[in-house]
Amino acid sequence: MIMAHDIKVIKPAQFVEVLTPLKEVRMLLYGLLKCLDPQTRAADRDEAVKPQAAESDQQSAGSR
């Protein structure tokens, strides 16, 4: 789309009209890829576990 705009194959109004939905699709695809990536999912899972582990460490230290 950018190339078509740059070489004046499409009008600026058409470019703007198509660019907004194109950005939305790009963001949705990026989110889907991030969700499906096993490394990203493992990192997210590890981050979710860390705060819980820290809380249990604090609780066990307090009971000593």
C-alpha atoms as a PDB file:
ATOM      1  CA  MET A   1       0.000   0.000   0.000  1.00  0.00           C
ATOM      2  CA  ILE A   2       2.816   2.391   0.804  1.00  0.00           C
ATOM      3  CA  MET A   3       4.498   1.686  -2.507  1.00  0.00           C
ATOM      4  CA  ALA A   4       1.214   2.133  -4.373  1.00  0.00           C
ATOM      5  CA  HIS A   5       0.790   5.463  -2.621  1.00  0.00           C
ATOM      6  CA  ASP A   6       4.389   6.518  -3.307  1.00  0.00           C
ATOM      7  CA  ILE A   7       4.214   5.802  -7.030  1.00  0.00           C
ATOM      8  CA  LYS A   8       0.775   7.419  -7.177  1.00  0.00           C
ATOM      9  CA  VAL A   9      -1.150   4.322  -8.274  1.00  0.00           C
ATOM     10  CA  ILE A  10      -3.833   5.094  -5.698  1.00  0.00           C
ATOM     11  CA  LYS A  11      -5.187   8.410  -4.536  1.00  0.00           C
ATOM     12  CA  PRO A  12      -4.261   9.766  -1.093  1.00  0.00           C
ATOM     13  CA  ALA A  13      -7.884   9.454   0.055  1.00  0.00           C
ATOM     14  CA  GLN A  14      -7.934   5.767  -0.896  1.00  0.00           C
ATOM     15  CA  PHE A  15      -4.646   5.230   0.929  1.00  0.00           C
ATOM     16  CA  VAL A  16      -5.990   6.748   4.143  1.00  0.00           C
ATOM     17  CA  GLU A  17      -9.238   4.801   3.800  1.00  0.00           C
ATOM     18  CA  VAL A  18      -7.396   1.477   3.560  1.00  0.00           C
ATOM     19  CA  LEU A  19      -4.592   2.272   6.015  1.00  0.00           C
ATOM     20  CA  THR A  20      -6.733   2.366   9.179  1.00  0.00           C
ATOM     21  CA  PRO A  21      -8.243  -1.142   8.815  1.00  0.00           C
ATOM     22  CA  LEU A  22      -4.840  -2.386   7.681  1.00  0.00           C
ATOM     23  CA  LYS A  23      -3.279  -1.180  10.938  1.00  0.00           C
ATOM     24  CA  GLU A  24      -5.996  -2.950  12.930  1.00  0.00           C
ATOM     25  CA  VAL A  25      -5.404  -6.215  11.080  1.00  0.00           C
ATOM     26  CA  ARG A  26      -1.661  -5.880  11.639  1.00  0.00           C
ATOM     27  CA  MET A  27      -2.184  -5.454  15.393  1.00  0.00           C
ATOM     28  CA  LEU A  28      -4.553  -8.430  15.539  1.00  0.00           C
ATOM     29  CA  LEU A  29      -2.095 -10.632  13.653  1.00  0.00           C
ATOM     30  CA  TYR A  30       0.755  -9.574  15.914  1.00  0.00           C
ATOM     31  CA  GLY A  31      -1.329 -10.432  18.984  1.00  0.00           C
ATOM     32  CA  LEU A  32      -2.245 -13.816  17.522  1.00  0.00           C
ATOM     33  CA  LEU A  33       1.383 -14.614  16.698  1.00  0.00           C
ATOM     34  CA  LYS A  34       2.454 -13.586  20.184  1.00  0.00           C
ATOM     35  CA  CYS A  35      -0.232 -15.794  21.694  1.00  0.00           C
ATOM     36  CA  LEU A  36       0.771 -18.779  19.569  1.00  0.00           C
ATOM     37  CA  ASP A  37       4.538 -18.418  20.100  1.00  0.00           C
ATOM     38  CA  PRO A  38       5.609 -21.103  22.608  1.00  0.00           C
ATOM     39  CA  GLN A  39       8.543 -18.998  23.888  1.00  0.00           C
ATOM     40  CA  THR A  40       6.310 -16.015  24.567  1.00  0.00           C
ATOM     41  CA  ARG A  41       3.726 -18.181  26.286  1.00  0.00           C
ATOM     42  CA  ALA A  42       6.406 -19.774  28.488  1.00  0.00           C
ATOM     43  CA  ALA A  43       7.775 -16.337  29.433  1.00  0.00           C
ATOM     44  CA  ASP A  44       4.266 -15.092  30.261  1.00  0.00           C
ATOM     45  CA  ARG A  45       3.654 -18.190  32.369  1.00  0.00           C
ATOM     46  CA  ASP A  46       6.958 -17.689  34.215  1.00  0.00           C
ATOM     47  CA  GLU A  47       6.110 -14.042  34.918  1.00  0.00           C
ATOM     48  CA  ALA A  48       2.730 -15.062  36.317  1.00  0.00           C
ATOM     49  CA  VAL A  49       4.357 -17.540  38.692  1.00  0.00           C
ATOM     50  CA  LYS A  50       7.071 -15.222  40.036  1.00  0.00           C
ATOM     51  CA  PRO A  51       4.835 -12.884  42.085  1.00  0.00           C
ATOM     52  CA  GLN A  52       3.101 -15.848  43.690  1.00  0.00           C
ATOM     53  CA  ALA A  53       6.432 -17.433  44.588  1.00  0.00           C
ATOM     54  CA  ALA A  54       7.629 -14.179  46.134  1.00  0.00           C
ATOM     55  CA  GLU A  55       4.478 -13.958  48.269  1.00  0.00           C
ATOM     56  CA  SER A  56       4.882 -17.510  49.548  1.00  0.00           C
ATOM     57  CA  ASP A  57       8.550 -16.780  50.391  1.00  0.00           C
ATOM     58  CA  GLN A  58       7.500 -13.726  52.380  1.00  0.00           C
ATOM     59  CA  GLN A  59       4.812 -15.663  54.217  1.00  0.00           C
ATOM     60  CA  SER A  60       7.169 -18.490  55.142  1.00  0.00           C
ATOM     61  CA  ALA A  61       9.826 -15.990  56.289  1.00  0.00           C
ATOM     62  CA  GLY A  62       7.259 -14.255  58.473  1.00  0.00           C
ATOM     63  CA  SER A  63       6.241 -17.481  60.182  1.00  0.00           C
ATOM     64  CA  ARG A  64       9.839 -18.249  61.273  1.00  0.00           C
END
